[in-house]
Amino acid sequence: MEFPFLRSMLSLWLVISSITLTAQGESRARPNVLFIAVDDMRPEMASYGGRALTPHMDRLAASGLQFDRAYCNQSVCGASRVSLMTGLYPEYTQERTYHVTDWRKRWHDVTTLNQHFKNNGYTTVGVGKIYHGSRGRGVDPENWTQWIIPDAGTEYANPDNTKLKLENQKKTDGKRRGPSTEAYVTSDETHFDGQRAAIGAEQIRTLSQKDEPFFVAVGFTKPHLPFVAPQKYWDLYSEQTCTLPLNTGKPPGYPDYASNKNAGELRSYSDIPQGVPPQDFPETLNQRLIHGYLACVSYTDRNIGVLLDALETAGVVDNTIVVLWADHGWKLGDHTSWCKHTNFECDNRVPLMIRYPKMSKTRGRTQSLTELIDLFPTLCDLCDLDKPSHLQGKSLLPVLKNPKLTHRAFAYSSYPHGRGQGLQGVTGHSIRTRQYRYTEWWEKGSDSVVESILTDIESDPGELTRVTDQQQLEQMLSALVKERVLDVRKP
């Protein structure tokens, strides 16, 4: 006796089961992603030849690929982060400020990095500073599987400093803060970043037991001001050795309005002298600030170590891509200033590391020029996801396969400034070739060049001198800048 209906149903069930098992198999085969963002961290780690003691980041660098010439696309938090997470240049979106308030309202149709992974079957979890801020609409909460806000943690551990901060904010409508540094005997978990590390580690351990791959993003605030870290990280350094860098000058002809001459961000802290230019800061203040910065880098290194250890204990190291990046560089007295907000090399060069154990050649270091905007398409390629059509970056997959390859002829970054030479505003457009940094400042709303400068970073890494005898080279670089800016502005 034949049962055609049952035979048809059985065939349909086998087809559905095959599709389901195939989808589950593909889901399991896709690598996990641990996405680590750090705020205001220049390449000051030991693996980059810096002064900070960073054994965990050095461990990551040794087991992955370190990009020695990676650059942000604008040296301010909000703009840099939205650019990376959307895959769109700040010059295109005009999301330029440090907070980029309501960016999602203006770009509601753009697929973000976290959204793309979520749409492709990943469990996406975010905590800390990935976008600017760590809560509210700006973190793109609807496009994560889960966005976590720690219910514990504090900025200052010393209650007197917290009290001072609150009093200052009340007196000045939020414009003044507490002290710029704090060394206090307390646990690693007292501060927000310690809490974020613990949450990230727990998510790794939990999600590693699931069938779906995970995308866990953890953003650490330090070494952003104030330079606050437990005392034991301050004890790693002697303040007497925390001296200013040698490049306290700037190239002749570099415009004052574009050099962040006043270091305004730093001045909102209660212990920074008002009305005193940075070049006249007392030596003890300079040393304390540098000491605090290094202590915070080491504290962040500890927190990154917590995440790396969690991959080990969860048994998912071999199937997890780790990306470590910073949103921009930072001045530690370089060019007689502090903070970021310029087109200088030290503001735009960032640490970047990628580790994927299944790619054996992703170890060592590469001199290939790279931009942070390249991370979105790179992760799509590594995880075998189709790329959204709007991406303006360029995948680093070929460099991960062969670190000696040339990825870009130059890296592009830009920064808008206030008034310059009586103008309403200017935007500095920079390109960094293997040897040179060339910057043009364009009048706001036009391509009229107000100022330009060429520096030789290979022979003058501190960027103190100006190249004046290479007119033909300047003309060529100027043409490249114009071509790049016009290309970036295209929809």
Protein backbone atom coordinates (compact mmCIF):
# COMPACT_ATOMS: atom_id res chain seq x y z
CA MET A 1 0.00 0.00 0.00
CA GLU A 2 1.34 3.45 -0.92
CA PHE A 3 0.88 6.65 1.10
CA PRO A 4 1.69 9.54 -1.26
CA PHE A 5 0.63 12.17 1.26
CA LEU A 6 2.90 10.75 3.99
CA ARG A 7 5.74 10.36 1.50
CA SER A 8 5.38 14.01 0.50
CA MET A 9 5.31 15.16 4.12
CA LEU A 10 8.41 13.10 4.90
CA SER A 11 10.27 14.64 1.96
CA LEU A 12 9.28 18.13 3.10
CA TRP A 13 10.43 17.38 6.65
CA LEU A 14 13.79 16.11 5.37
CA VAL A 15 14.27 19.27 3.31
CA ILE A 16 13.39 21.54 6.25
CA SER A 17 15.63 19.53 8.59
CA SER A 18 18.49 19.76 6.12
CA ILE A 19 18.10 23.52 5.82
CA THR A 20 17.89 23.91 9.60
CA LEU A 21 20.96 21.75 10.25
CA THR A 22 22.88 23.58 7.53
CA ALA A 23 21.99 26.95 9.07
CA GLN A 24 22.97 25.72 12.53
CA GLY A 25 26.22 24.37 11.16
CA GLU A 26 27.04 27.68 9.48
CA SER A 27 26.15 29.52 12.69
CA ARG A 28 28.50 27.40 14.75
CA ALA A 29 31.25 27.64 12.14
CA ARG A 30 31.27 31.41 12.10
CA PRO A 31 33.83 32.92 14.46
CA ASN A 32 32.93 34.91 17.53
CA VAL A 33 34.10 38.52 17.83
CA LEU A 34 35.50 40.27 20.91
CA PHE A 35 35.50 43.96 20.04
CA ILE A 36 37.49 46.09 22.50
CA ALA A 37 37.41 49.89 22.30
CA VAL A 38 39.66 52.18 24.36
CA ASP A 39 39.21 55.92 24.81
CA ASP A 40 42.01 58.46 24.22
CA MET A 41 44.79 55.85 24.07
CA ARG A 42 47.76 56.69 21.92
CA PRO A 43 50.18 53.85 20.98
CA GLU A 44 51.91 54.13 24.35
CA MET A 45 52.01 50.38 25.01
CA ALA A 46 55.27 48.49 25.33
CA SER A 47 54.65 46.58 22.06
CA TYR A 48 54.68 49.94 20.27
CA GLY A 49 57.84 51.06 22.06
CA GLY A 50 55.94 53.25 24.53
CA ARG A 51 56.48 53.85 28.22
CA ALA A 52 53.38 52.11 29.58
CA LEU A 53 53.63 48.68 31.17
CA THR A 54 51.07 46.60 29.29
CA PRO A 55 51.70 42.84 29.53
CA HIS A 56 48.20 41.82 28.42
CA MET A 57 48.09 44.04 25.34
CA ASP A 58 51.63 42.91 24.53
CA ARG A 59 50.37 39.33 24.78
CA LEU A 60 47.59 40.14 22.32
CA ALA A 61 50.05 41.82 19.96
CA ALA A 62 52.36 38.80 20.05
CA SER A 63 49.52 36.41 19.19
CA GLY A 64 47.90 38.61 16.54
CA LEU A 65 48.75 41.31 14.03
CA GLN A 66 49.73 44.75 15.27
CA PHE A 67 49.13 47.65 12.89
CA ASP A 68 51.94 50.15 13.38
CA ARG A 69 50.44 52.71 11.02
CA ALA A 70 46.76 52.83 11.86
CA TYR A 71 44.89 56.14 11.89
CA CYS A 72 41.53 57.44 13.05
CA ASN A 73 39.37 59.46 10.68
CA GLN A 74 38.81 62.35 13.10
CA SER A 75 40.57 62.92 16.41
CA VAL A 76 37.56 63.31 18.68
CA CYS A 77 35.51 60.61 20.42
CA GLY A 78 31.99 60.86 19.04
CA ALA A 79 32.89 61.50 15.41
CA SER A 80 35.53 58.77 15.31
CA ARG A 81 33.26 56.15 16.86
CA VAL A 82 30.21 56.86 14.72
CA SER A 83 32.46 56.75 11.67
CA LEU A 84 33.84 53.33 12.59
CA MET A 85 30.46 51.88 13.59
CA THR A 86 28.63 53.14 10.49
CA GLY A 87 31.49 52.74 8.02
CA LEU A 88 31.03 56.33 6.85
CA TYR A 89 33.55 59.19 6.95
CA PRO A 90 32.85 62.22 9.17
CA GLU A 91 33.40 64.39 6.11
CA TYR A 92 30.46 62.61 4.49
CA THR A 93 28.07 62.45 7.46
CA GLN A 94 29.14 65.78 9.01
CA GLU A 95 28.89 64.05 12.40
CA ARG A 96 31.83 66.05 13.71
CA THR A 97 31.41 66.77 17.41
CA TYR A 98 32.63 64.85 20.42
CA HIS A 99 29.10 63.85 21.47
CA VAL A 100 27.30 63.63 18.06
CA THR A 101 23.97 63.99 19.87
CA ASP A 102 21.01 62.36 18.05
CA TRP A 103 23.19 60.97 15.26
CA ARG A 104 20.78 58.03 14.95
CA LYS A 105 17.88 60.35 14.12
CA ARG A 106 19.85 61.78 11.24
CA TRP A 107 21.06 58.38 10.03
CA HIS A 108 18.12 56.15 10.92
CA ASP A 109 18.45 54.04 7.74
CA VAL A 110 22.17 53.28 8.05
CA THR A 111 23.10 49.76 9.12
CA THR A 112 25.62 49.89 11.95
CA LEU A 113 28.28 47.29 12.67
CA ASN A 114 26.44 45.86 15.67
CA GLN A 115 23.15 45.91 13.76
CA HIS A 116 24.68 44.05 10.82
CA PHE A 117 26.01 41.27 13.04
CA LYS A 118 22.70 41.01 14.86
CA ASN A 119 20.85 40.78 11.55
CA ASN A 120 23.13 37.92 10.55
CA GLY A 121 22.47 35.63 13.48
CA TYR A 122 24.98 36.87 16.03
CA THR A 123 24.14 37.49 19.65
CA THR A 124 25.39 41.04 20.05
CA VAL A 125 26.13 42.43 23.49
CA GLY A 126 27.57 45.86 24.26
CA VAL A 127 28.83 47.47 27.45
CA GLY A 128 30.81 50.62 28.14
CA LYS A 129 31.95 53.23 25.63
CA ILE A 130 31.55 51.92 22.09
CA TYR A 131 29.71 54.92 20.74
CA HIS A 132 30.14 58.20 22.60
CA GLY A 133 28.64 57.73 26.05
CA SER A 134 27.51 54.49 27.63
CA ARG A 135 23.74 54.88 27.86
CA GLY A 136 20.84 56.56 26.12
CA ARG A 137 19.83 56.72 22.46
CA GLY A 138 23.35 57.42 21.26
CA VAL A 139 24.54 53.86 21.86
CA ASP A 140 22.13 52.46 19.23
CA PRO A 141 20.35 50.31 21.86
CA GLU A 142 17.64 48.94 19.57
CA ASN A 143 20.24 47.30 17.37
CA TRP A 144 21.96 45.17 19.99
CA THR A 145 20.65 41.89 21.32
CA GLN A 146 21.47 43.40 24.70
CA TRP A 147 23.00 46.67 25.82
CA ILE A 148 24.20 46.46 29.42
CA ILE A 149 24.54 49.38 31.83
CA PRO A 150 26.52 48.41 34.96
CA ASP A 151 24.63 48.96 38.19
CA ALA A 152 27.85 49.66 40.08
CA GLY A 153 31.11 51.54 39.61
CA THR A 154 32.24 55.09 40.14
CA GLU A 155 34.50 57.66 38.51
CA TYR A 156 36.42 58.76 41.61
CA ALA A 157 37.13 56.27 44.40
CA ASN A 158 37.93 58.99 46.93
CA PRO A 159 34.56 60.31 48.20
CA ASP A 160 36.09 63.76 48.72
CA ASN A 161 36.80 63.99 44.99
CA THR A 162 33.28 62.91 44.11
CA LYS A 163 31.91 65.58 46.45
CA LEU A 164 34.17 68.22 44.90
CA LYS A 165 33.04 67.25 41.41
CA LEU A 166 29.37 67.55 42.31
CA GLU A 167 29.91 70.90 44.02
CA ASN A 168 31.78 72.28 41.02
CA GLN A 169 29.14 71.08 38.58
CA LYS A 170 26.41 72.70 40.63
CA LYS A 171 28.26 76.02 40.78
CA THR A 172 29.13 76.13 37.07
CA ASP A 173 26.14 74.43 35.45
CA GLY A 174 28.17 71.29 34.79
CA LYS A 175 31.18 73.02 33.24
CA ARG A 176 33.69 72.34 36.03
CA ARG A 177 34.66 68.93 37.31
CA GLY A 178 36.73 67.27 39.99
CA PRO A 179 40.53 66.90 39.98
CA SER A 180 42.32 65.76 36.84
CA THR A 181 44.03 62.84 38.60
CA GLU A 182 43.41 60.45 41.46
CA ALA A 183 45.58 57.74 43.02
CA TYR A 184 43.58 55.89 45.68
CA VAL A 185 43.90 52.50 47.31
CA THR A 186 40.86 50.60 46.07
CA SER A 187 39.91 47.47 44.13
CA ASP A 188 39.91 47.15 40.35
CA GLU A 189 36.13 46.75 40.36
CA THR A 190 35.51 50.07 42.14
CA HIS A 191 35.66 52.01 38.88
CA PHE A 192 33.35 51.77 35.88
CA ASP A 193 35.97 50.09 33.69
CA GLY A 194 36.57 47.32 36.21
CA GLN A 195 32.83 46.64 36.23
CA ARG A 196 32.74 46.61 32.43
CA ALA A 197 35.58 44.08 32.29
CA ALA A 198 33.75 41.80 34.72
CA ILE A 199 30.50 42.02 32.72
CA GLY A 200 32.30 41.40 29.44
CA ALA A 201 34.05 38.33 30.85
CA GLU A 202 30.79 36.92 32.19
CA GLN A 203 29.09 37.45 28.83
CA ILE A 204 31.91 35.59 27.07
CA ARG A 205 31.59 32.64 29.43
CA THR A 206 27.79 32.54 29.10
CA LEU A 207 27.52 33.06 25.35
CA SER A 208 30.24 30.52 24.59
CA GLN A 209 27.74 27.84 25.72
CA LYS A 210 25.18 28.88 23.11
CA ASP A 211 24.79 27.68 19.53
CA GLU A 212 24.87 31.19 18.04
CA PRO A 213 28.17 33.01 17.56
CA PHE A 214 28.64 36.12 19.68
CA PHE A 215 29.75 39.68 19.07
CA VAL A 216 30.75 41.11 22.45
CA ALA A 217 31.80 44.76 22.46
CA VAL A 218 33.44 46.23 25.55
CA GLY A 219 34.44 49.89 25.69
CA PHE A 220 36.88 51.18 28.31
CA THR A 221 36.93 54.86 29.23
CA LYS A 222 40.46 55.11 30.58
CA PRO A 223 42.89 56.66 29.85
CA HIS A 224 40.37 59.44 29.21
CA LEU A 225 40.47 62.29 31.71
CA PRO A 226 40.31 62.35 34.66
CA PHE A 227 43.35 60.12 35.09
CA VAL A 228 41.89 57.93 37.80
CA ALA A 229 43.20 54.45 38.57
CA PRO A 230 43.80 52.36 41.70
CA GLN A 231 47.01 53.25 43.55
CA LYS A 232 48.81 50.04 42.54
CA TYR A 233 48.93 51.19 38.91
CA TRP A 234 50.44 54.53 39.91
CA ASP A 235 53.04 52.57 41.88
CA LEU A 236 54.30 51.00 38.65
CA TYR A 237 55.92 54.31 37.71
CA SER A 238 58.13 56.95 39.27
CA GLU A 239 56.78 60.45 38.78
CA GLN A 240 60.31 61.80 38.30
CA THR A 241 60.65 59.75 35.12
CA CYS A 242 57.35 61.02 33.71
CA THR A 243 58.89 63.82 31.72
CA LEU A 244 57.51 65.84 28.85
CA PRO A 245 58.26 64.61 25.32
CA LEU A 246 60.96 66.35 23.31
CA ASN A 247 58.56 67.64 20.63
CA THR A 248 57.12 70.57 22.56
CA GLY A 249 57.31 72.86 19.51
CA LYS A 250 55.41 72.78 16.25
CA PRO A 251 56.37 73.21 12.61
CA PRO A 252 56.93 76.79 11.45
CA GLY A 253 53.76 78.11 9.89
CA TYR A 254 51.43 75.63 11.59
CA PRO A 255 48.33 77.75 12.33
CA ASP A 256 47.60 78.47 15.99
CA TYR A 257 43.88 77.89 15.57
CA ALA A 258 44.64 74.33 14.41
CA SER A 259 47.08 73.35 17.17
CA ASN A 260 44.72 73.18 20.18
CA LYS A 261 46.93 75.79 21.80
CA ASN A 262 44.81 76.18 24.93
CA ALA A 263 44.00 72.49 25.63
CA GLY A 264 40.46 73.45 26.60
CA GLU A 265 39.25 69.96 27.55
CA LEU A 266 41.87 69.73 30.29
CA ARG A 267 40.90 73.11 31.76
CA SER A 268 37.52 71.92 32.98
CA TYR A 269 39.23 70.07 35.86
CA SER A 270 39.52 71.75 39.23
CA ASP A 271 43.30 71.49 39.72
CA ILE A 272 44.32 72.92 36.33
CA PRO A 273 45.42 76.56 36.61
CA GLN A 274 43.16 78.98 34.76
CA GLY A 275 44.64 81.66 32.57
CA VAL A 276 47.99 79.84 32.36
CA PRO A 277 48.97 78.56 28.89
CA PRO A 278 50.13 74.92 28.77
CA GLN A 279 53.72 75.93 28.07
CA ASP A 280 53.75 77.59 31.50
CA PHE A 281 52.32 74.67 33.46
CA PRO A 282 54.55 73.83 36.43
CA GLU A 283 56.77 70.79 35.96
CA THR A 284 55.10 69.01 38.86
CA LEU A 285 51.71 69.27 37.11
CA ASN A 286 53.12 67.98 33.82
CA GLN A 287 54.72 65.02 35.58
CA ARG A 288 51.56 64.20 37.51
CA LEU A 289 49.44 64.25 34.36
CA ILE A 290 51.81 61.96 32.47
CA HIS A 291 52.09 59.71 35.52
CA GLY A 292 48.30 59.50 35.69
CA TYR A 293 47.97 58.73 31.99
CA LEU A 294 50.44 55.86 32.20
CA ALA A 295 48.73 54.49 35.32
CA CYS A 296 45.39 54.52 33.47
CA VAL A 297 46.87 52.71 30.46
CA SER A 298 48.16 49.98 32.80
CA TYR A 299 44.77 49.79 34.51
CA THR A 300 43.09 49.40 31.11
CA ASP A 301 45.63 46.72 30.26
CA ARG A 302 44.54 44.79 33.35
CA ASN A 303 40.90 45.04 32.26
CA ILE A 304 41.73 43.83 28.77
CA GLY A 305 43.54 40.91 30.38
CA VAL A 306 40.32 39.95 32.16
CA LEU A 307 38.57 39.62 28.78
CA LEU A 308 41.42 37.68 27.18
CA ASP A 309 41.51 35.30 30.14
CA ALA A 310 37.76 34.75 29.80
CA LEU A 311 38.26 33.53 26.24
CA GLU A 312 40.76 31.01 27.58
CA THR A 313 38.57 29.71 30.39
CA ALA A 314 35.54 29.51 28.08
CA GLY A 315 37.53 27.48 25.57
CA VAL A 316 36.73 29.74 22.60
CA VAL A 317 40.12 31.30 21.89
CA ASP A 318 40.60 29.40 18.64
CA ASN A 319 37.28 30.53 17.22
CA THR A 320 37.22 34.15 18.37
CA ILE A 321 38.43 37.20 16.51
CA VAL A 322 39.80 39.84 18.88
CA VAL A 323 39.93 43.45 17.73
CA LEU A 324 41.52 46.11 19.92
CA TRP A 325 41.32 49.73 18.82
CA ALA A 326 41.43 53.25 20.23
CA ASP A 327 39.25 56.06 18.92
CA HIS A 328 42.15 58.51 18.42
CA GLY A 329 45.54 59.48 19.76
CA TRP A 330 46.40 61.99 22.47
CA LYS A 331 48.94 64.70 23.26
CA LEU A 332 50.99 64.36 26.44
CA GLY A 333 52.56 67.79 26.23
CA ASP A 334 53.42 67.24 22.56
CA HIS A 335 53.45 70.53 20.66
CA THR A 336 53.09 72.31 24.03
CA SER A 337 49.53 71.11 24.38
CA TRP A 338 47.37 68.28 25.69
CA CYS A 339 44.34 66.23 24.62
CA LYS A 340 43.45 65.69 20.93
CA HIS A 341 41.47 67.87 18.46
CA THR A 342 44.15 68.47 15.80
CA ASN A 343 45.63 67.09 12.58
CA PHE A 344 48.98 66.26 14.20
CA GLU A 345 50.38 62.77 13.82
CA CYS A 346 50.13 62.05 17.56
CA ASP A 347 46.39 62.88 17.58
CA ASN A 348 45.53 60.66 14.65
CA ARG A 349 47.77 57.61 15.02
CA VAL A 350 46.09 54.88 17.04
CA PRO A 351 46.85 51.40 18.34
CA LEU A 352 45.14 48.61 16.42
CA MET A 353 45.47 44.85 16.88
CA ILE A 354 43.58 41.99 15.26
CA ARG A 355 43.90 38.35 16.31
CA TYR A 356 42.24 35.41 14.61
CA PRO A 357 44.00 32.16 15.53
CA LYS A 358 42.65 30.34 12.47
CA MET A 359 44.70 32.67 10.28
CA SER A 360 48.26 31.69 11.12
CA LYS A 361 49.77 34.65 9.29
CA THR A 362 47.96 37.20 11.44
CA ARG A 363 50.92 37.39 13.78
CA GLY A 364 53.61 40.00 14.08
CA ARG A 365 53.26 43.56 12.86
CA THR A 366 52.53 45.39 9.67
CA GLN A 367 53.58 48.78 8.35
CA SER A 368 50.61 48.92 6.01
CA LEU A 369 48.70 52.20 6.25
CA THR A 370 45.26 51.63 7.74
CA GLU A 371 42.18 53.64 8.72
CA LEU A 372 39.69 52.76 11.45
CA ILE A 373 36.90 52.91 8.89
CA ASP A 374 38.41 49.73 7.43
CA LEU A 375 37.31 47.62 10.41
CA PHE A 376 33.64 47.25 9.40
CA PRO A 377 34.33 45.62 6.01
CA THR A 378 37.20 43.61 7.51
CA LEU A 379 34.97 41.97 10.09
CA CYS A 380 32.39 41.23 7.41
CA ASP A 381 35.02 39.36 5.41
CA LEU A 382 36.43 37.49 8.39
CA CYS A 383 32.94 36.35 9.43
CA ASP A 384 31.75 35.64 5.89
CA LEU A 385 29.01 38.27 5.94
CA ASP A 386 27.87 40.29 2.96
CA LYS A 387 28.98 43.90 3.19
CA PRO A 388 26.38 46.68 3.38
CA SER A 389 26.54 48.73 0.19
CA HIS A 390 27.18 52.03 1.98
CA LEU A 391 30.59 51.15 3.46
CA GLN A 392 33.38 53.57 2.56
CA GLY A 393 36.24 51.59 4.11
CA LYS A 394 38.49 48.95 2.59
CA SER A 395 38.79 45.43 3.99
CA LEU A 396 42.06 44.49 5.69
CA LEU A 397 41.67 40.81 4.85
CA PRO A 398 44.51 40.85 2.27
CA VAL A 399 46.85 42.38 4.87
CA LEU A 400 45.82 39.80 7.44
CA LYS A 401 46.77 37.13 4.91
CA ASN A 402 50.01 38.87 4.00
CA PRO A 403 51.16 41.63 6.40
CA LYS A 404 53.75 42.87 3.89
CA LEU A 405 51.11 44.01 1.42
CA THR A 406 50.39 47.69 0.79
CA HIS A 407 46.81 48.39 1.84
CA ARG A 408 46.57 52.12 1.15
CA ALA A 409 48.81 54.65 -0.55
CA PHE A 410 47.89 57.02 2.27
CA ALA A 411 45.60 57.30 5.31
CA TYR A 412 43.09 60.16 5.40
CA SER A 413 41.79 62.07 8.41
CA SER A 414 40.14 65.42 8.93
CA TYR A 415 39.32 67.84 11.71
CA PRO A 416 37.08 70.95 11.78
CA HIS A 417 38.29 74.05 13.62
CA GLY A 418 36.74 77.31 14.67
CA ARG A 419 37.59 80.62 13.16
CA GLY A 420 40.82 81.02 11.28
CA GLN A 421 42.16 84.20 9.72
CA GLY A 422 38.80 85.94 10.09
CA LEU A 423 36.92 83.04 8.48
CA GLN A 424 33.81 81.38 9.89
CA GLY A 425 35.67 78.10 10.20
CA VAL A 426 38.08 75.71 8.54
CA THR A 427 38.50 71.97 8.16
CA GLY A 428 41.93 70.42 8.22
CA HIS A 429 42.31 67.58 5.72
CA SER A 430 45.36 65.35 6.22
CA ILE A 431 46.88 62.48 4.35
CA ARG A 432 49.63 60.33 5.82
CA THR A 433 51.86 58.56 3.32
CA ARG A 434 54.62 56.17 4.37
CA GLN A 435 56.96 59.14 4.78
CA TYR A 436 54.99 62.36 4.93
CA ARG A 437 52.00 64.03 6.53
CA TYR A 438 50.42 66.71 4.38
CA THR A 439 47.59 68.90 5.69
CA GLU A 440 45.42 71.51 4.05
CA TRP A 441 42.95 73.70 5.90
CA TRP A 442 39.92 74.45 3.75
CA GLU A 443 37.53 77.31 4.27
CA LYS A 444 34.25 76.07 5.69
CA GLY A 445 31.76 75.19 2.97
CA SER A 446 34.27 75.36 0.14
CA ASP A 447 37.45 73.79 -1.23
CA SER A 448 39.42 77.03 -0.90
CA VAL A 449 42.76 76.27 0.76
CA VAL A 450 43.59 78.67 3.60
CA GLU A 451 46.81 77.06 4.85
CA SER A 452 48.89 74.00 4.03
CA ILE A 453 51.89 72.28 5.55
CA LEU A 454 54.12 69.31 4.74
CA THR A 455 56.07 67.39 7.38
CA ASP A 456 58.44 64.43 7.05
CA ILE A 457 57.41 61.96 9.75
CA GLU A 458 60.14 59.47 8.93
CA SER A 459 62.98 61.91 9.57
CA ASP A 460 61.06 64.06 12.07
CA PRO A 461 58.66 61.76 14.00
CA GLY A 462 57.91 64.49 16.55
CA GLU A 463 56.63 66.72 13.73
CA LEU A 464 58.63 69.82 14.61
CA THR A 465 59.95 70.91 11.23
CA ARG A 466 58.40 71.83 7.94
CA VAL A 467 59.43 70.61 4.49
CA THR A 468 59.81 73.67 2.27
CA ASP A 469 61.86 72.46 -0.71
CA GLN A 470 59.45 69.93 -2.21
CA GLN A 471 57.00 72.06 -4.18
CA GLN A 472 56.35 69.36 -6.76
CA LEU A 473 55.61 66.84 -4.02
CA GLU A 474 53.27 69.30 -2.30
CA GLN A 475 51.37 69.84 -5.53
CA MET A 476 50.97 66.11 -5.99
CA LEU A 477 49.79 65.60 -2.40
CA SER A 478 47.42 68.55 -2.69
CA ALA A 479 45.82 66.93 -5.73
CA LEU A 480 45.46 63.67 -3.78
CA VAL A 481 43.81 65.49 -0.87
CA LYS A 482 41.28 67.16 -3.15
CA GLU A 483 40.53 63.93 -4.95
CA ARG A 484 40.06 62.07 -1.68
CA VAL A 485 37.82 64.67 -0.06
CA LEU A 486 35.58 64.94 -3.11
CA ASP A 487 35.39 61.15 -3.32
CA VAL A 488 34.53 60.81 0.40
CA ARG A 489 31.73 63.34 0.07
CA LYS A 490 29.92 61.27 -2.56
CA PRO A 491 26.77 59.41 -1.40
